[in-house]
Each structure stands twice: as structure tokens, then as C-alpha cells.
């Protein structure tokens, strides 16, 4: 089911524009993409949209909380439309693919800081690092001895 992007924009007092709708759709369909990818996706349907317009839309959507900007260490900033929950990410060290991970199970260190130093904590960011299934399979295939002839 596709979200009502127009209603989302109106709920944060943003005007409904084609670039904003296109960016929201791109992020809904392709989570964890960088700015250049968003621009490419938007230009499929709106070829005249400028780089600056997309940058401005991403900033407005991020500032209003409709979009989340994530930037794990050493990775280009990415954007996602999944907001409003306490989810985290897993990043492949090999190809850089990012996937959502729901909050840790059991004792959840991500929910309560041992010493919040007086801060009113409203969000925690946990990034899991590893190797994605595709890269693991590629690595395993490369490690196999060559067949004898």
C-alpha cells in the first residue's frame, strides 16, 4: 500500500509540489539511497528537476521529520522515509548496502543510556556492521578450490 504523500506533506505544513511528491515516492520505493540516486530516480518522471531542488526538498523533508538522514561512519549520507520508530541499520562492509533492523531484543542498550548526563534522550542510533548475504556468497564462491579437469 502506497502512503498518502500529499497528506504527509500537509501534516507538517508543507505545500504539495511535484518535486516533494517525487522525492517521497523515490524514498518509499528505494530506502537508504544517497542524494545522487534520489536525483536520478526523481528525474525519471521529472527530467527538468534541478539538483538544487532535490537538495532543498530533502532538507525540508528532513527538517520536518518526514525523512530521516543517516550517515554511518565512512558511508555517504543516505535517506529513508521510515521514521517515527526506534529502528536501526545493518551495513555491509563490502558493498555498503544498508538494511533496516528493528530495535534490539532482550536487554536493549539502545533504549536507556546508563548515564544520560542530564540529556532528554529522544532517539538512539545503533549501527550493526557485517557482510551482507550476497557478498558472503560471493566470498564463499571465491574461496572454493578450482575444479580438476
C-alpha atoms as a PDB file:
ATOM      1  CA  UNK A   1       0.000   0.000   0.000  1.00  0.00           C
ATOM      2  CA  UNK A   2       1.422   3.357  -1.037  1.00  0.00           C
ATOM      3  CA  UNK A   3       1.312   6.041   1.651  1.00  0.00           C
ATOM      4  CA  UNK A   4      -0.655   9.237   1.070  1.00  0.00           C
ATOM      5  CA  UNK A   5       2.294  11.536   0.365  1.00  0.00           C
ATOM      6  CA  UNK A   6       0.056  14.579  -0.088  1.00  0.00           C
ATOM      7  CA  UNK A   7      -1.418  14.073   3.389  1.00  0.00           C
ATOM      8  CA  UNK A   8       2.071  13.613   4.833  1.00  0.00           C
ATOM      9  CA  UNK A   9       3.216  16.927   3.384  1.00  0.00           C
ATOM     10  CA  UNK A  10       0.126  18.747   4.591  1.00  0.00           C
ATOM     11  CA  UNK A  11       0.505  17.241   8.081  1.00  0.00           C
ATOM     12  CA  UNK A  12       3.790  19.137   8.501  1.00  0.00           C
ATOM     13  CA  UNK A  13       2.528  22.308   6.791  1.00  0.00           C
ATOM     14  CA  UNK A  14       4.497  21.820   3.567  1.00  0.00           C
ATOM     15  CA  UNK A  15       2.989  22.718   0.235  1.00  0.00           C
ATOM     16  CA  UNK A  16       2.311  19.781  -2.051  1.00  0.00           C
ATOM     17  CA  UNK A  17       4.675  20.066  -5.037  1.00  0.00           C
ATOM     18  CA  UNK A  18       5.721  17.621  -7.728  1.00  0.00           C
ATOM     19  CA  UNK A  19       9.366  17.519  -6.563  1.00  0.00           C
ATOM     20  CA  UNK A  20       8.329  16.803  -2.971  1.00  0.00           C
ATOM     21  CA  UNK A  21       5.935  14.063  -4.042  1.00  0.00           C
ATOM     22  CA  UNK A  22       8.586  12.563  -6.346  1.00  0.00           C
ATOM     23  CA  UNK A  23      11.241  12.528  -3.611  1.00  0.00           C
ATOM     24  CA  UNK A  24       8.877  10.917  -1.092  1.00  0.00           C
ATOM     25  CA  UNK A  25       7.931   8.254  -3.643  1.00  0.00           C
ATOM     26  CA  UNK A  26      11.585   7.600  -4.516  1.00  0.00           C
ATOM     27  CA  UNK A  27      12.490   7.147  -0.848  1.00  0.00           C
ATOM     28  CA  UNK A  28       9.464   4.954  -0.205  1.00  0.00           C
ATOM     29  CA  UNK A  29      10.374   2.708  -3.152  1.00  0.00           C
ATOM     30  CA  UNK A  30      14.168   2.805  -2.606  1.00  0.00           C
ATOM     31  CA  UNK A  31      15.140   3.200   1.055  1.00  0.00           C
ATOM     32  CA  UNK A  32      18.698   4.094   2.082  1.00  0.00           C
ATOM     33  CA  UNK A  33      19.703   5.883  -1.111  1.00  0.00           C
ATOM     34  CA  UNK A  34      22.117   8.771  -1.449  1.00  0.00           C
ATOM     35  CA  UNK A  35      21.300  12.186  -2.888  1.00  0.00           C
ATOM     36  CA  UNK A  36      22.585  11.404  -6.386  1.00  0.00           C
ATOM     37  CA  UNK A  37      20.383   8.323  -6.548  1.00  0.00           C
ATOM     38  CA  UNK A  38      17.363  10.342  -5.381  1.00  0.00           C
ATOM     39  CA  UNK A  39      18.057  12.872  -8.145  1.00  0.00           C
ATOM     40  CA  UNK A  40      18.265  10.082 -10.752  1.00  0.00           C
ATOM     41  CA  UNK A  41      15.053   8.465  -9.527  1.00  0.00           C
ATOM     42  CA  UNK A  42      13.141  11.764  -9.490  1.00  0.00           C
ATOM     43  CA  UNK A  43      14.382  12.676 -12.983  1.00  0.00           C
ATOM     44  CA  UNK A  44      12.870   9.510 -14.463  1.00  0.00           C
ATOM     45  CA  UNK A  45       9.441  11.167 -14.208  1.00  0.00           C
ATOM     46  CA  UNK A  46      10.527  14.812 -13.901  1.00  0.00           C
ATOM     47  CA  UNK A  47      13.623  15.278 -16.098  1.00  0.00           C
ATOM     48  CA  UNK A  48      13.832  19.049 -15.560  1.00  0.00           C
ATOM     49  CA  UNK A  49      14.085  18.949 -11.747  1.00  0.00           C
ATOM     50  CA  UNK A  50      17.352  20.564 -10.702  1.00  0.00           C
ATOM     51  CA  UNK A  51      19.916  19.178  -8.291  1.00  0.00           C
ATOM     52  CA  UNK A  52      19.263  22.155  -6.032  1.00  0.00           C
ATOM     53  CA  UNK A  53      15.519  21.482  -5.957  1.00  0.00           C
ATOM     54  CA  UNK A  54      16.120  17.912  -4.782  1.00  0.00           C
ATOM     55  CA  UNK A  55      18.632  19.091  -2.161  1.00  0.00           C
ATOM     56  CA  UNK A  56      16.093  21.659  -0.942  1.00  0.00           C
ATOM     57  CA  UNK A  57      13.311  19.051  -0.806  1.00  0.00           C
ATOM     58  CA  UNK A  58      15.495  16.597   1.118  1.00  0.00           C
ATOM     59  CA  UNK A  59      16.371  19.329   3.624  1.00  0.00           C
ATOM     60  CA  UNK A  60      12.714  20.345   4.075  1.00  0.00           C
ATOM     61  CA  UNK A  61      11.571  16.743   4.450  1.00  0.00           C
ATOM     62  CA  UNK A  62      14.349  16.007   6.937  1.00  0.00           C
ATOM     63  CA  UNK A  63      13.732  19.199   8.923  1.00  0.00           C
ATOM     64  CA  UNK A  64      10.029  18.343   9.270  1.00  0.00           C
ATOM     65  CA  UNK A  65      10.677  14.716  10.214  1.00  0.00           C
ATOM     66  CA  UNK A  66       9.108  13.117   7.125  1.00  0.00           C
ATOM     67  CA  UNK A  67      12.500  11.767   6.082  1.00  0.00           C
ATOM     68  CA  UNK A  68      15.474  10.583   8.083  1.00  0.00           C
ATOM     69  CA  UNK A  69      19.077  11.249   7.070  1.00  0.00           C
ATOM     70  CA  UNK A  70      21.509   8.560   8.160  1.00  0.00           C
ATOM     71  CA  UNK A  71      25.271   8.529   7.753  1.00  0.00           C
ATOM     72  CA  UNK A  72      27.077   5.539   9.201  1.00  0.00           C
ATOM     73  CA  UNK A  73      30.817   6.134   9.610  1.00  0.00           C
ATOM     74  CA  UNK A  74      32.623   6.125   6.280  1.00  0.00           C
ATOM     75  CA  UNK A  75      29.406   5.937   4.238  1.00  0.00           C
ATOM     76  CA  UNK A  76      27.825   8.664   2.114  1.00  0.00           C
ATOM     77  CA  UNK A  77      24.708  10.160   3.692  1.00  0.00           C
ATOM     78  CA  UNK A  78      21.564   8.220   2.859  1.00  0.00           C
ATOM     79  CA  UNK A  79      17.874   8.996   3.219  1.00  0.00           C
ATOM     80  CA  UNK A  80      14.890   6.926   4.223  1.00  0.00           C
ATOM     81  CA  UNK A  81      11.195   7.500   4.711  1.00  0.00           C
ATOM     82  CA  UNK A  82      10.831   5.079   7.625  1.00  0.00           C
ATOM     83  CA  UNK A  83      10.571   7.463  10.554  1.00  0.00           C
ATOM     84  CA  UNK A  84       8.869   7.584  13.907  1.00  0.00           C
ATOM     85  CA  UNK A  85      10.117   4.291  15.274  1.00  0.00           C
ATOM     86  CA  UNK A  86      13.286   3.233  17.026  1.00  0.00           C
ATOM     87  CA  UNK A  87      14.845   1.136  14.278  1.00  0.00           C
ATOM     88  CA  UNK A  88      18.496   0.782  13.448  1.00  0.00           C
ATOM     89  CA  UNK A  89      20.616  -0.284  10.491  1.00  0.00           C
ATOM     90  CA  UNK A  90      22.980  -3.007   9.406  1.00  0.00           C
ATOM     91  CA  UNK A  91      25.685  -2.012   6.909  1.00  0.00           C
ATOM     92  CA  UNK A  92      27.674  -4.349   4.662  1.00  0.00           C
ATOM     93  CA  UNK A  93      31.398  -3.679   4.991  1.00  0.00           C
ATOM     94  CA  UNK A  94      31.947  -4.962   1.467  1.00  0.00           C
ATOM     95  CA  UNK A  95      29.313  -3.341  -0.781  1.00  0.00           C
ATOM     96  CA  UNK A  96      27.836  -0.684   1.523  1.00  0.00           C
ATOM     97  CA  UNK A  97      24.262  -1.982   1.335  1.00  0.00           C
ATOM     98  CA  UNK A  98      22.144  -0.772   4.258  1.00  0.00           C
ATOM     99  CA  UNK A  99      19.121  -2.585   5.675  1.00  0.00           C
ATOM    100  CA  UNK A 100      16.708  -1.789   8.496  1.00  0.00           C
ATOM    101  CA  UNK A 101      16.956  -3.663  11.783  1.00  0.00           C
ATOM    102  CA  UNK A 102      14.225  -3.413  14.386  1.00  0.00           C
ATOM    103  CA  UNK A 103      15.321  -2.475  17.884  1.00  0.00           C
ATOM    104  CA  UNK A 104      17.495  -4.962  19.741  1.00  0.00           C
ATOM    105  CA  UNK A 105      15.714  -7.794  21.527  1.00  0.00           C
ATOM    106  CA  UNK A 106      16.241  -8.803  25.138  1.00  0.00           C
ATOM    107  CA  UNK A 107      18.029  -6.177  27.185  1.00  0.00           C
ATOM    108  CA  UNK A 108      18.007  -3.249  24.803  1.00  0.00           C
ATOM    109  CA  UNK A 109      21.001  -0.982  25.370  1.00  0.00           C
ATOM    110  CA  UNK A 110      19.576   1.261  22.674  1.00  0.00           C
ATOM    111  CA  UNK A 111      16.612   2.324  24.768  1.00  0.00           C
ATOM    112  CA  UNK A 112      18.106   3.542  28.024  1.00  0.00           C
ATOM    113  CA  UNK A 113      21.505   5.151  28.456  1.00  0.00           C
ATOM    114  CA  UNK A 114      23.368   4.088  31.594  1.00  0.00           C
ATOM    115  CA  UNK A 115      24.106   7.778  32.244  1.00  0.00           C
ATOM    116  CA  UNK A 116      22.251  10.273  30.079  1.00  0.00           C
ATOM    117  CA  UNK A 117      24.292  13.180  31.535  1.00  0.00           C
ATOM    118  CA  UNK A 118      21.067  15.132  32.028  1.00  0.00           C
ATOM    119  CA  UNK A 119      20.036  14.972  28.370  1.00  0.00           C
ATOM    120  CA  UNK A 120      16.403  14.390  27.417  1.00  0.00           C
ATOM    121  CA  UNK A 121      17.171  11.447  25.110  1.00  0.00           C
ATOM    122  CA  UNK A 122      14.589  11.005  22.356  1.00  0.00           C
ATOM    123  CA  UNK A 123      16.459   8.798  19.910  1.00  0.00           C
ATOM    124  CA  UNK A 124      19.288   6.287  19.852  1.00  0.00           C
ATOM    125  CA  UNK A 125      21.316   5.228  16.854  1.00  0.00           C
ATOM    126  CA  UNK A 126      22.818   1.776  16.660  1.00  0.00           C
ATOM    127  CA  UNK A 127      24.646   0.602  13.546  1.00  0.00           C
ATOM    128  CA  UNK A 128      25.449  -3.054  13.060  1.00  0.00           C
ATOM    129  CA  UNK A 129      28.318  -3.823  10.663  1.00  0.00           C
ATOM    130  CA  UNK A 130      28.913  -7.069   8.812  1.00  0.00           C
ATOM    131  CA  UNK A 131      28.763  -8.717   5.408  1.00  0.00           C
ATOM    132  CA  UNK A 132      25.501  -8.980   3.502  1.00  0.00           C
ATOM    133  CA  UNK A 133      24.292 -12.366   2.198  1.00  0.00           C
ATOM    134  CA  UNK A 134      25.242 -11.565  -1.428  1.00  0.00           C
ATOM    135  CA  UNK A 135      28.798 -10.553  -0.520  1.00  0.00           C
ATOM    136  CA  UNK A 136      29.115 -13.551   1.813  1.00  0.00           C
ATOM    137  CA  UNK A 137      28.044 -15.861  -1.028  1.00  0.00           C
ATOM    138  CA  UNK A 138      30.487 -14.186  -3.439  1.00  0.00           C
ATOM    139  CA  UNK A 139      33.296 -14.533  -0.906  1.00  0.00           C
ATOM    140  CA  UNK A 140      32.464 -18.202  -0.285  1.00  0.00           C
ATOM    141  CA  UNK A 141      32.401 -18.899  -4.036  1.00  0.00           C
ATOM    142  CA  UNK A 142      35.820 -17.243  -4.452  1.00  0.00           C
ATOM    143  CA  UNK A 143      37.268 -19.432  -1.672  1.00  0.00           C
ATOM    144  CA  UNK A 144      36.207 -22.679  -3.346  1.00  0.00           C
ATOM    145  CA  UNK A 145      39.094 -24.595  -4.959  1.00  0.00           C
ATOM    146  CA  UNK A 146      39.030 -24.726  -8.726  1.00  0.00           C
ATOM    147  CA  UNK A 147      37.635 -27.944 -10.136  1.00  0.00           C
ATOM    148  CA  UNK A 148      40.056 -30.500 -11.549  1.00  0.00           C
ATOM    149  CA  UNK A 149      39.950 -31.283 -15.209  1.00  0.00           C
END
